Amino acid sequence: MKIWLIRHGLTRLGEEKRYQGALDEGLSDQGRAELKRADFLPPRVYVSPMLRARETAAILFPEAELIVVPDLREMDFGAFEGHGWWEMERDAAYRAWVDGGCLGRCPGGEDRKGFSLRACKAMEALLQTGKDLVIVAHGGTQMAALERWGRPEREYYRWQTPCGCGFLLSYDRQLDEMRVERERSFLK
């Protein structure tokens, strides 16, 4: 089974290096201009409900049916959303979160374990179809899924990829793992 796991294009908050998470902002002008139509045409694309993912999928795969999967949405960073690290470096809650390896619960948001379980459960349901998949979601969604199934094994943040890029994976149901066939950019 083949899986394309693609990160959405660039947003204004992404351009500004701010936490976006559950904020439902669309692609920036730059983000839209950078993306190019994919050179393959899947009949359907599974997408996060977030506007930035749906817009990316519509640009890359304009003829595909977009199927929204709510739990593929990005981690909710709660009170940190919309802010850059430099604005919060003296904030006690932010420092505690960072000093804890960014694993704990963000005030008003999620912790990484809960987020990863949610995203992986949604991915697991898609894997049960046994059909090739194209998924457009988020950096966190990619990292959670690939930390769980990706081979060669890597730590969560080592799976990070730029906006508008992704991985072609081969899923082996017997081994319950995804082998990276290649990384790819969907940018002009």
N, C-alpha and C. Protein backbone atom coordinates (compact mmCIF):
# COMPACT_ATOMS: atom_id res chain seq x y z
N MET A 1 0.85 -1.17 0.00
CA MET A 1 0.00 0.00 0.00
C MET A 1 0.90 1.24 0.00
N LYS A 2 0.60 2.20 -0.88
CA LYS A 2 1.37 3.45 -0.98
C LYS A 2 0.60 4.58 -0.28
N ILE A 3 1.35 5.44 0.37
CA ILE A 3 0.76 6.58 1.08
C ILE A 3 1.59 7.82 0.78
N TRP A 4 0.90 8.86 0.30
CA TRP A 4 1.51 10.18 0.23
C TRP A 4 1.06 10.93 1.47
N LEU A 5 1.98 11.40 2.28
CA LEU A 5 1.70 12.17 3.49
C LEU A 5 2.33 13.54 3.30
N ILE A 6 1.47 14.55 3.06
CA ILE A 6 1.92 15.87 2.61
C ILE A 6 1.55 16.94 3.64
N ARG A 7 2.49 17.82 3.91
CA ARG A 7 2.25 18.96 4.80
C ARG A 7 1.67 20.12 3.99
N HIS A 8 0.73 20.83 4.58
CA HIS A 8 0.11 21.98 3.92
C HIS A 8 1.12 23.05 3.54
N GLY A 9 0.70 23.98 2.68
CA GLY A 9 1.53 25.09 2.26
C GLY A 9 1.67 26.16 3.34
N LEU A 10 2.42 27.16 3.04
CA LEU A 10 2.78 28.23 3.97
C LEU A 10 1.60 29.16 4.28
N THR A 11 1.51 29.58 5.54
CA THR A 11 0.50 30.54 6.00
C THR A 11 1.22 31.80 6.49
N ARG A 12 0.45 32.84 6.76
CA ARG A 12 1.03 34.07 7.31
C ARG A 12 1.70 33.78 8.66
N LEU A 13 1.02 33.03 9.53
CA LEU A 13 1.61 32.72 10.83
C LEU A 13 2.88 31.88 10.67
N GLY A 14 2.89 31.00 9.69
CA GLY A 14 4.09 30.22 9.40
C GLY A 14 5.22 31.11 8.92
N GLU A 15 4.90 32.06 8.06
CA GLU A 15 5.91 33.01 7.58
C GLU A 15 6.53 33.76 8.74
N GLU A 16 5.71 34.08 9.75
CA GLU A 16 6.15 34.85 10.90
C GLU A 16 6.72 33.98 12.01
N LYS A 17 6.80 32.66 11.78
CA LYS A 17 7.35 31.70 12.76
C LYS A 17 6.56 31.71 14.08
N ARG A 18 5.23 31.77 13.96
CA ARG A 18 4.35 31.77 15.13
C ARG A 18 3.64 30.43 15.24
N TYR A 19 3.28 30.05 16.47
CA TYR A 19 2.50 28.83 16.67
C TYR A 19 1.13 29.01 16.05
N GLN A 20 0.71 28.04 15.26
CA GLN A 20 -0.58 28.13 14.58
C GLN A 20 -1.58 27.13 15.13
N GLY A 21 -1.23 25.86 15.20
CA GLY A 21 -2.08 24.85 15.79
C GLY A 21 -3.51 24.87 15.33
N ALA A 22 -4.43 25.14 16.27
CA ALA A 22 -5.87 25.10 16.00
C ALA A 22 -6.41 26.38 15.35
N LEU A 23 -5.58 27.39 15.18
CA LEU A 23 -6.04 28.60 14.50
C LEU A 23 -6.28 28.26 13.04
N ASP A 24 -7.46 28.56 12.55
CA ASP A 24 -7.86 28.11 11.20
C ASP A 24 -7.60 29.18 10.16
N GLU A 25 -6.34 29.44 9.91
CA GLU A 25 -5.93 30.42 8.91
C GLU A 25 -5.62 29.71 7.60
N GLY A 26 -6.01 30.34 6.51
CA GLY A 26 -5.71 29.77 5.19
C GLY A 26 -4.28 30.03 4.77
N LEU A 27 -3.97 29.62 3.56
CA LEU A 27 -2.64 29.84 3.00
C LEU A 27 -2.39 31.33 2.79
N SER A 28 -1.15 31.74 2.90
CA SER A 28 -0.76 33.11 2.58
C SER A 28 -0.67 33.24 1.06
N ASP A 29 -0.56 34.45 0.56
CA ASP A 29 -0.35 34.65 -0.87
C ASP A 29 0.90 33.91 -1.33
N GLN A 30 1.96 34.01 -0.54
CA GLN A 30 3.20 33.31 -0.86
C GLN A 30 2.97 31.80 -0.87
N GLY A 31 2.25 31.30 0.12
CA GLY A 31 1.97 29.87 0.21
C GLY A 31 1.22 29.35 -1.01
N ARG A 32 0.21 30.10 -1.46
CA ARG A 32 -0.54 29.71 -2.66
C ARG A 32 0.35 29.76 -3.90
N ALA A 33 1.16 30.82 -4.01
CA ALA A 33 2.01 31.00 -5.20
C ALA A 33 3.10 29.93 -5.28
N GLU A 34 3.56 29.43 -4.15
CA GLU A 34 4.65 28.46 -4.15
C GLU A 34 4.22 27.05 -4.55
N LEU A 35 2.96 26.71 -4.32
CA LEU A 35 2.49 25.35 -4.59
C LEU A 35 2.25 25.13 -6.07
N LYS A 36 2.50 23.90 -6.52
CA LYS A 36 2.22 23.56 -7.91
C LYS A 36 1.33 22.33 -7.95
N ARG A 37 0.55 22.24 -8.98
CA ARG A 37 -0.32 21.09 -9.17
C ARG A 37 0.54 19.82 -9.22
N ALA A 38 0.10 18.78 -8.53
CA ALA A 38 0.84 17.51 -8.52
C ALA A 38 0.78 16.86 -9.90
N ASP A 39 1.75 16.01 -10.17
CA ASP A 39 1.81 15.33 -11.46
C ASP A 39 1.13 13.96 -11.43
N PHE A 40 0.31 13.73 -10.44
CA PHE A 40 -0.51 12.52 -10.39
C PHE A 40 -1.90 12.92 -9.89
N LEU A 41 -2.91 12.12 -10.23
CA LEU A 41 -4.30 12.50 -9.98
C LEU A 41 -5.03 11.43 -9.19
N PRO A 42 -4.97 11.48 -7.87
CA PRO A 42 -5.73 10.51 -7.09
C PRO A 42 -7.23 10.84 -7.15
N PRO A 43 -8.08 9.85 -7.05
CA PRO A 43 -9.52 10.13 -7.07
C PRO A 43 -10.00 10.83 -5.81
N ARG A 44 -9.31 10.58 -4.71
CA ARG A 44 -9.70 11.21 -3.44
C ARG A 44 -8.45 11.56 -2.64
N VAL A 45 -8.60 12.60 -1.83
CA VAL A 45 -7.52 13.04 -0.94
C VAL A 45 -8.13 13.23 0.44
N TYR A 46 -7.50 12.64 1.44
CA TYR A 46 -7.95 12.79 2.82
C TYR A 46 -7.24 14.02 3.40
N VAL A 47 -8.04 14.88 4.03
CA VAL A 47 -7.50 16.16 4.50
C VAL A 47 -7.92 16.45 5.93
N SER A 48 -7.06 17.20 6.59
CA SER A 48 -7.42 17.81 7.86
C SER A 48 -8.56 18.80 7.59
N PRO A 49 -9.39 19.07 8.58
CA PRO A 49 -10.45 20.06 8.38
C PRO A 49 -9.95 21.50 8.33
N MET A 50 -8.69 21.72 8.67
CA MET A 50 -8.15 23.07 8.72
C MET A 50 -8.05 23.65 7.31
N LEU A 51 -8.42 24.93 7.18
CA LEU A 51 -8.47 25.60 5.88
C LEU A 51 -7.15 25.48 5.12
N ARG A 52 -6.02 25.64 5.80
CA ARG A 52 -4.72 25.58 5.12
C ARG A 52 -4.49 24.22 4.45
N ALA A 53 -4.96 23.14 5.06
CA ALA A 53 -4.80 21.82 4.46
C ALA A 53 -5.76 21.63 3.29
N ARG A 54 -7.00 22.08 3.45
CA ARG A 54 -7.98 21.94 2.36
C ARG A 54 -7.58 22.78 1.14
N GLU A 55 -7.07 23.99 1.38
CA GLU A 55 -6.61 24.82 0.26
C GLU A 55 -5.42 24.19 -0.45
N THR A 56 -4.50 23.64 0.31
CA THR A 56 -3.33 22.97 -0.28
C THR A 56 -3.78 21.80 -1.15
N ALA A 57 -4.66 20.97 -0.62
CA ALA A 57 -5.15 19.80 -1.37
C ALA A 57 -5.85 20.24 -2.66
N ALA A 58 -6.62 21.32 -2.59
CA ALA A 58 -7.34 21.80 -3.78
C ALA A 58 -6.38 22.31 -4.86
N ILE A 59 -5.26 22.88 -4.45
CA ILE A 59 -4.26 23.35 -5.43
C ILE A 59 -3.50 22.17 -6.02
N LEU A 60 -3.07 21.24 -5.18
CA LEU A 60 -2.28 20.11 -5.65
C LEU A 60 -3.10 19.12 -6.48
N PHE A 61 -4.35 18.91 -6.07
CA PHE A 61 -5.20 17.88 -6.67
C PHE A 61 -6.59 18.45 -6.98
N PRO A 62 -6.70 19.36 -7.95
CA PRO A 62 -7.95 20.08 -8.17
C PRO A 62 -9.15 19.21 -8.56
N GLU A 63 -8.92 18.04 -9.14
CA GLU A 63 -10.04 17.19 -9.53
C GLU A 63 -10.42 16.17 -8.47
N ALA A 64 -9.64 16.04 -7.43
CA ALA A 64 -9.88 15.00 -6.43
C ALA A 64 -11.03 15.36 -5.50
N GLU A 65 -11.70 14.34 -5.03
CA GLU A 65 -12.69 14.51 -3.98
C GLU A 65 -11.92 14.68 -2.67
N LEU A 66 -12.23 15.74 -1.92
CA LEU A 66 -11.56 15.97 -0.64
C LEU A 66 -12.43 15.37 0.47
N ILE A 67 -11.85 14.47 1.24
CA ILE A 67 -12.56 13.83 2.34
C ILE A 67 -11.93 14.32 3.65
N VAL A 68 -12.72 15.07 4.42
CA VAL A 68 -12.23 15.66 5.66
C VAL A 68 -12.21 14.60 6.76
N VAL A 69 -11.06 14.51 7.43
CA VAL A 69 -10.88 13.61 8.57
C VAL A 69 -10.55 14.50 9.78
N PRO A 70 -11.54 14.77 10.64
CA PRO A 70 -11.37 15.75 11.71
C PRO A 70 -10.14 15.54 12.60
N ASP A 71 -9.80 14.31 12.93
CA ASP A 71 -8.70 14.08 13.87
C ASP A 71 -7.32 14.15 13.24
N LEU A 72 -7.24 14.49 11.95
CA LEU A 72 -5.94 14.76 11.33
C LEU A 72 -5.50 16.20 11.58
N ARG A 73 -6.32 16.98 12.28
CA ARG A 73 -5.97 18.39 12.53
C ARG A 73 -4.71 18.50 13.38
N GLU A 74 -4.10 19.66 13.31
CA GLU A 74 -2.85 19.92 14.02
C GLU A 74 -3.06 19.95 15.53
N MET A 75 -1.97 19.82 16.27
CA MET A 75 -2.00 19.93 17.72
C MET A 75 -2.53 21.30 18.12
N ASP A 76 -3.32 21.34 19.19
CA ASP A 76 -3.85 22.58 19.74
C ASP A 76 -2.84 23.11 20.75
N PHE A 77 -2.20 24.23 20.41
CA PHE A 77 -1.19 24.82 21.28
C PHE A 77 -1.80 25.80 22.29
N GLY A 78 -3.12 25.89 22.35
CA GLY A 78 -3.80 26.68 23.36
C GLY A 78 -3.34 28.12 23.41
N ALA A 79 -2.94 28.57 24.61
CA ALA A 79 -2.56 29.96 24.85
C ALA A 79 -1.33 30.40 24.06
N PHE A 80 -0.57 29.45 23.51
CA PHE A 80 0.64 29.80 22.76
C PHE A 80 0.34 30.17 21.31
N GLU A 81 -0.85 29.85 20.84
CA GLU A 81 -1.17 30.06 19.42
C GLU A 81 -1.20 31.55 19.06
N GLY A 82 -0.65 31.82 17.89
CA GLY A 82 -0.57 33.19 17.41
C GLY A 82 0.65 33.94 17.91
N HIS A 83 1.42 33.31 18.79
CA HIS A 83 2.60 33.95 19.37
C HIS A 83 3.87 33.28 18.88
N GLY A 84 4.93 34.04 18.84
CA GLY A 84 6.25 33.52 18.53
C GLY A 84 6.99 33.20 19.81
N TRP A 85 7.98 32.32 19.75
CA TRP A 85 8.73 31.94 20.94
C TRP A 85 9.37 33.15 21.61
N TRP A 86 9.82 34.12 20.80
CA TRP A 86 10.50 35.30 21.33
C TRP A 86 9.57 36.17 22.16
N GLU A 87 8.26 36.07 21.92
CA GLU A 87 7.29 36.84 22.71
C GLU A 87 6.97 36.16 24.03
N MET A 88 7.29 34.87 24.13
CA MET A 88 6.91 34.11 25.33
C MET A 88 8.10 33.60 26.12
N GLU A 89 9.31 33.97 25.74
CA GLU A 89 10.48 33.37 26.37
C GLU A 89 10.58 33.65 27.87
N ARG A 90 9.84 34.63 28.36
CA ARG A 90 9.84 34.92 29.80
C ARG A 90 8.52 34.49 30.46
N ASP A 91 7.62 33.91 29.69
CA ASP A 91 6.35 33.42 30.21
C ASP A 91 6.59 32.09 30.94
N ALA A 92 6.18 32.01 32.21
CA ALA A 92 6.46 30.84 33.04
C ALA A 92 5.84 29.56 32.46
N ALA A 93 4.61 29.64 31.97
CA ALA A 93 3.95 28.46 31.41
C ALA A 93 4.65 27.98 30.14
N TYR A 94 5.06 28.92 29.32
CA TYR A 94 5.77 28.56 28.10
C TYR A 94 7.13 27.95 28.43
N ARG A 95 7.86 28.56 29.35
CA ARG A 95 9.17 28.04 29.74
C ARG A 95 9.04 26.62 30.30
N ALA A 96 8.02 26.40 31.12
CA ALA A 96 7.81 25.06 31.69
C ALA A 96 7.54 24.05 30.59
N TRP A 97 6.74 24.44 29.62
CA TRP A 97 6.43 23.54 28.50
C TRP A 97 7.70 23.21 27.70
N VAL A 98 8.47 24.25 27.35
CA VAL A 98 9.70 24.03 26.58
C VAL A 98 10.71 23.23 27.40
N ASP A 99 10.88 23.59 28.67
CA ASP A 99 11.84 22.88 29.52
C ASP A 99 11.45 21.41 29.72
N GLY A 100 10.17 21.11 29.55
CA GLY A 100 9.68 19.74 29.64
C GLY A 100 9.73 19.00 28.31
N GLY A 101 10.47 19.55 27.35
CA GLY A 101 10.62 18.90 26.05
C GLY A 101 9.42 19.07 25.14
N CYS A 102 8.56 20.06 25.43
CA CYS A 102 7.34 20.32 24.65
C CYS A 102 6.40 19.11 24.66
N LEU A 103 6.43 18.38 25.75
CA LEU A 103 5.59 17.19 25.88
C LEU A 103 4.32 17.43 26.68
N GLY A 104 4.36 18.38 27.62
CA GLY A 104 3.22 18.62 28.50
C GLY A 104 2.06 19.31 27.80
N ARG A 105 0.99 19.47 28.56
CA ARG A 105 -0.20 20.13 28.03
C ARG A 105 0.04 21.63 27.91
N CYS A 106 -0.27 22.16 26.75
CA CYS A 106 -0.23 23.61 26.57
C CYS A 106 -1.44 24.19 27.30
N PRO A 107 -1.31 25.32 28.00
CA PRO A 107 -2.46 25.89 28.69
C PRO A 107 -3.62 26.11 27.71
N GLY A 108 -4.75 25.48 27.98
CA GLY A 108 -5.91 25.60 27.10
C GLY A 108 -5.81 24.75 25.84
N GLY A 109 -4.79 23.89 25.74
CA GLY A 109 -4.60 23.09 24.54
C GLY A 109 -4.35 21.62 24.86
N GLU A 110 -3.54 20.97 24.03
CA GLU A 110 -3.27 19.54 24.15
C GLU A 110 -1.84 19.29 24.61
N ASP A 111 -1.60 18.07 25.06
CA ASP A 111 -0.23 17.62 25.27
C ASP A 111 0.15 16.77 24.06
N ARG A 112 1.44 16.53 23.89
CA ARG A 112 1.87 15.82 22.68
C ARG A 112 1.38 14.38 22.65
N LYS A 113 1.36 13.70 23.77
CA LYS A 113 0.92 12.32 23.78
C LYS A 113 -0.54 12.22 23.34
N GLY A 114 -1.41 13.06 23.89
CA GLY A 114 -2.82 13.04 23.51
C GLY A 114 -3.02 13.39 22.05
N PHE A 115 -2.30 14.40 21.58
CA PHE A 115 -2.37 14.77 20.18
C PHE A 115 -1.92 13.61 19.29
N SER A 116 -0.78 13.01 19.60
CA SER A 116 -0.25 11.92 18.79
C SER A 116 -1.21 10.74 18.76
N LEU A 117 -1.80 10.41 19.89
CA LEU A 117 -2.77 9.31 19.93
C LEU A 117 -3.96 9.61 19.03
N ARG A 118 -4.47 10.85 19.08
CA ARG A 118 -5.61 11.26 18.25
C ARG A 118 -5.26 11.14 16.77
N ALA A 119 -4.13 11.72 16.38
CA ALA A 119 -3.73 11.72 14.97
C ALA A 119 -3.46 10.29 14.48
N CYS A 120 -2.81 9.48 15.30
CA CYS A 120 -2.49 8.11 14.88
C CYS A 120 -3.75 7.24 14.80
N LYS A 121 -4.71 7.48 15.67
CA LYS A 121 -5.97 6.73 15.59
C LYS A 121 -6.68 7.05 14.27
N ALA A 122 -6.67 8.31 13.86
CA ALA A 122 -7.27 8.69 12.58
C ALA A 122 -6.51 8.04 11.42
N MET A 123 -5.20 8.04 11.50
CA MET A 123 -4.37 7.42 10.46
C MET A 123 -4.62 5.92 10.41
N GLU A 124 -4.74 5.30 11.57
CA GLU A 124 -4.97 3.85 11.63
C GLU A 124 -6.29 3.48 10.93
N ALA A 125 -7.32 4.29 11.11
CA ALA A 125 -8.59 4.03 10.42
C ALA A 125 -8.41 4.09 8.91
N LEU A 126 -7.61 5.03 8.42
CA LEU A 126 -7.35 5.12 6.98
C LEU A 126 -6.55 3.92 6.49
N LEU A 127 -5.61 3.47 7.29
CA LEU A 127 -4.79 2.31 6.90
C LEU A 127 -5.65 1.05 6.76
N GLN A 128 -6.73 0.98 7.51
CA GLN A 128 -7.60 -0.20 7.46
C GLN A 128 -8.30 -0.36 6.12
N THR A 129 -8.37 0.72 5.32
CA THR A 129 -9.02 0.62 4.01
C THR A 129 -8.22 -0.30 3.07
N GLY A 130 -6.91 -0.40 3.31
CA GLY A 130 -6.06 -1.21 2.45
C GLY A 130 -5.81 -0.61 1.08
N LYS A 131 -6.27 0.61 0.86
CA LYS A 131 -6.11 1.28 -0.44
C LYS A 131 -5.01 2.32 -0.35
N ASP A 132 -4.41 2.62 -1.50
CA ASP A 132 -3.42 3.70 -1.54
C ASP A 132 -4.07 4.98 -1.04
N LEU A 133 -3.29 5.81 -0.35
CA LEU A 133 -3.81 7.02 0.28
C LEU A 133 -3.00 8.24 -0.11
N VAL A 134 -3.69 9.37 -0.24
CA VAL A 134 -3.06 10.68 -0.32
C VAL A 134 -3.66 11.48 0.83
N ILE A 135 -2.80 12.00 1.70
CA ILE A 135 -3.23 12.71 2.89
C ILE A 135 -2.54 14.06 2.92
N VAL A 136 -3.32 15.13 3.08
CA VAL A 136 -2.76 16.47 3.25
C VAL A 136 -3.16 16.94 4.65
N ALA A 137 -2.16 17.15 5.48
CA ALA A 137 -2.42 17.52 6.87
C ALA A 137 -1.38 18.53 7.34
N HIS A 138 -0.73 18.25 8.45
CA HIS A 138 0.13 19.22 9.14
C HIS A 138 1.46 18.59 9.51
N GLY A 139 2.40 19.46 9.85
CA GLY A 139 3.70 18.98 10.29
C GLY A 139 3.59 18.07 11.50
N GLY A 140 2.78 18.47 12.47
CA GLY A 140 2.61 17.65 13.67
C GLY A 140 1.98 16.30 13.35
N THR A 141 1.01 16.30 12.46
CA THR A 141 0.34 15.06 12.07
C THR A 141 1.34 14.11 11.41
N GLN A 142 2.15 14.66 10.51
CA GLN A 142 3.20 13.86 9.87
C GLN A 142 4.15 13.28 10.91
N MET A 143 4.62 14.14 11.81
CA MET A 143 5.61 13.70 12.79
C MET A 143 5.04 12.63 13.71
N ALA A 144 3.78 12.79 14.13
CA ALA A 144 3.15 11.79 15.01
C ALA A 144 3.04 10.44 14.30
N ALA A 145 2.54 10.45 13.07
CA ALA A 145 2.35 9.20 12.32
C ALA A 145 3.68 8.53 12.03
N LEU A 146 4.67 9.31 11.64
CA LEU A 146 5.95 8.72 11.27
C LEU A 146 6.78 8.30 12.48
N GLU A 147 6.61 8.99 13.60
CA GLU A 147 7.27 8.51 14.81
C GLU A 147 6.70 7.14 15.18
N ARG A 148 5.41 6.95 14.95
CA ARG A 148 4.75 5.67 15.27
C ARG A 148 5.09 4.56 14.26
N TRP A 149 4.99 4.86 12.95
CA TRP A 149 5.11 3.82 11.93
C TRP A 149 6.35 3.95 11.03
N GLY A 150 6.98 5.10 11.00
CA GLY A 150 8.03 5.35 10.03
C GLY A 150 9.29 4.52 10.22
N ARG A 151 9.86 4.11 9.10
CA ARG A 151 11.12 3.39 9.07
C ARG A 151 11.98 4.00 7.99
N PRO A 152 13.23 4.26 8.21
CA PRO A 152 13.94 3.96 9.43
C PRO A 152 13.40 4.77 10.61
N GLU A 153 13.51 4.23 11.80
CA GLU A 153 12.98 4.90 12.99
C GLU A 153 13.69 6.22 13.22
N ARG A 154 12.89 7.21 13.59
CA ARG A 154 13.43 8.53 13.94
C ARG A 154 12.60 9.09 15.09
N GLU A 155 13.20 9.98 15.83
CA GLU A 155 12.50 10.71 16.89
C GLU A 155 11.52 11.70 16.23
N TYR A 156 10.46 12.05 16.94
CA TYR A 156 9.36 12.91 16.48
C TYR A 156 9.83 14.08 15.62
N TYR A 157 10.67 14.95 16.15
CA TYR A 157 11.06 16.16 15.42
C TYR A 157 11.98 15.88 14.23
N ARG A 158 12.58 14.73 14.16
CA ARG A 158 13.43 14.37 13.03
C ARG A 158 12.61 14.08 11.77
N TRP A 159 11.28 13.99 11.92
CA TRP A 159 10.40 13.76 10.77
C TRP A 159 9.85 15.08 10.22
N GLN A 160 10.27 16.20 10.77
CA GLN A 160 9.76 17.49 10.33
C GLN A 160 10.16 17.75 8.88
N THR A 161 9.22 18.28 8.11
CA THR A 161 9.47 18.61 6.71
C THR A 161 8.92 20.01 6.44
N PRO A 162 9.45 20.75 5.48
CA PRO A 162 8.95 22.10 5.20
C PRO A 162 7.50 22.08 4.69
N CYS A 163 6.85 23.22 4.80
CA CYS A 163 5.50 23.37 4.24
C CYS A 163 5.54 23.05 2.75
N GLY A 164 4.49 22.37 2.28
CA GLY A 164 4.40 22.03 0.87
C GLY A 164 5.24 20.84 0.46
N CYS A 165 5.72 20.09 1.44
CA CYS A 165 6.55 18.91 1.16
C CYS A 165 5.95 17.69 1.85
N GLY A 166 6.42 16.52 1.46
CA GLY A 166 5.89 15.32 2.08
C GLY A 166 6.71 14.09 1.77
N PHE A 167 6.13 12.96 2.08
CA PHE A 167 6.79 11.67 1.95
C PHE A 167 5.92 10.71 1.15
N LEU A 168 6.54 9.92 0.30
CA LEU A 168 5.90 8.76 -0.30
C LEU A 168 6.33 7.58 0.55
N LEU A 169 5.34 6.86 1.07
CA LEU A 169 5.59 5.76 2.00
C LEU A 169 5.01 4.47 1.47
N SER A 170 5.63 3.36 1.82
CA SER A 170 5.07 2.03 1.57
C SER A 170 4.67 1.46 2.91
N TYR A 171 3.39 1.13 3.07
CA TYR A 171 2.91 0.56 4.33
C TYR A 171 2.87 -0.95 4.21
N ASP A 172 3.52 -1.61 5.16
CA ASP A 172 3.52 -3.07 5.24
C ASP A 172 2.60 -3.46 6.39
N ARG A 173 1.44 -4.00 6.05
CA ARG A 173 0.44 -4.35 7.06
C ARG A 173 0.97 -5.43 8.02
N GLN A 174 1.73 -6.40 7.50
CA GLN A 174 2.26 -7.48 8.34
C GLN A 174 3.21 -6.94 9.41
N LEU A 175 4.09 -6.02 9.01
CA LEU A 175 5.05 -5.45 9.94
C LEU A 175 4.50 -4.22 10.67
N ASP A 176 3.38 -3.70 10.18
CA ASP A 176 2.76 -2.48 10.72
C ASP A 176 3.78 -1.34 10.77
N GLU A 177 4.37 -1.08 9.59
CA GLU A 177 5.35 0.00 9.49
C GLU A 177 5.29 0.65 8.11
N MET A 178 5.75 1.89 8.07
CA MET A 178 5.81 2.66 6.83
C MET A 178 7.27 2.89 6.47
N ARG A 179 7.66 2.44 5.31
CA ARG A 179 9.01 2.68 4.82
C ARG A 179 9.00 3.91 3.92
N VAL A 180 9.94 4.80 4.15
CA VAL A 180 10.05 5.99 3.32
C VAL A 180 10.66 5.58 1.97
N GLU A 181 9.91 5.83 0.90
CA GLU A 181 10.45 5.60 -0.44
C GLU A 181 11.17 6.84 -0.93
N ARG A 182 10.56 8.01 -0.65
CA ARG A 182 11.23 9.25 -1.03
C ARG A 182 10.53 10.43 -0.37
N GLU A 183 11.28 11.51 -0.25
CA GLU A 183 10.72 12.79 0.18
C GLU A 183 10.50 13.61 -1.08
N ARG A 184 9.49 14.48 -1.02
CA ARG A 184 9.19 15.24 -2.23
C ARG A 184 8.64 16.61 -1.88
N SER A 185 9.00 17.58 -2.70
CA SER A 185 8.46 18.93 -2.61
C SER A 185 7.34 19.09 -3.63
N PHE A 186 6.29 19.79 -3.23
CA PHE A 186 5.20 20.14 -4.13
C PHE A 186 5.23 21.64 -4.41
N LEU A 187 6.44 22.21 -4.29
CA LEU A 187 6.64 23.63 -4.52
C LEU A 187 7.18 23.85 -5.92
N LYS A 188 6.91 25.03 -6.46
CA LYS A 188 7.41 25.38 -7.81
C LYS A 188 8.91 25.51 -7.79
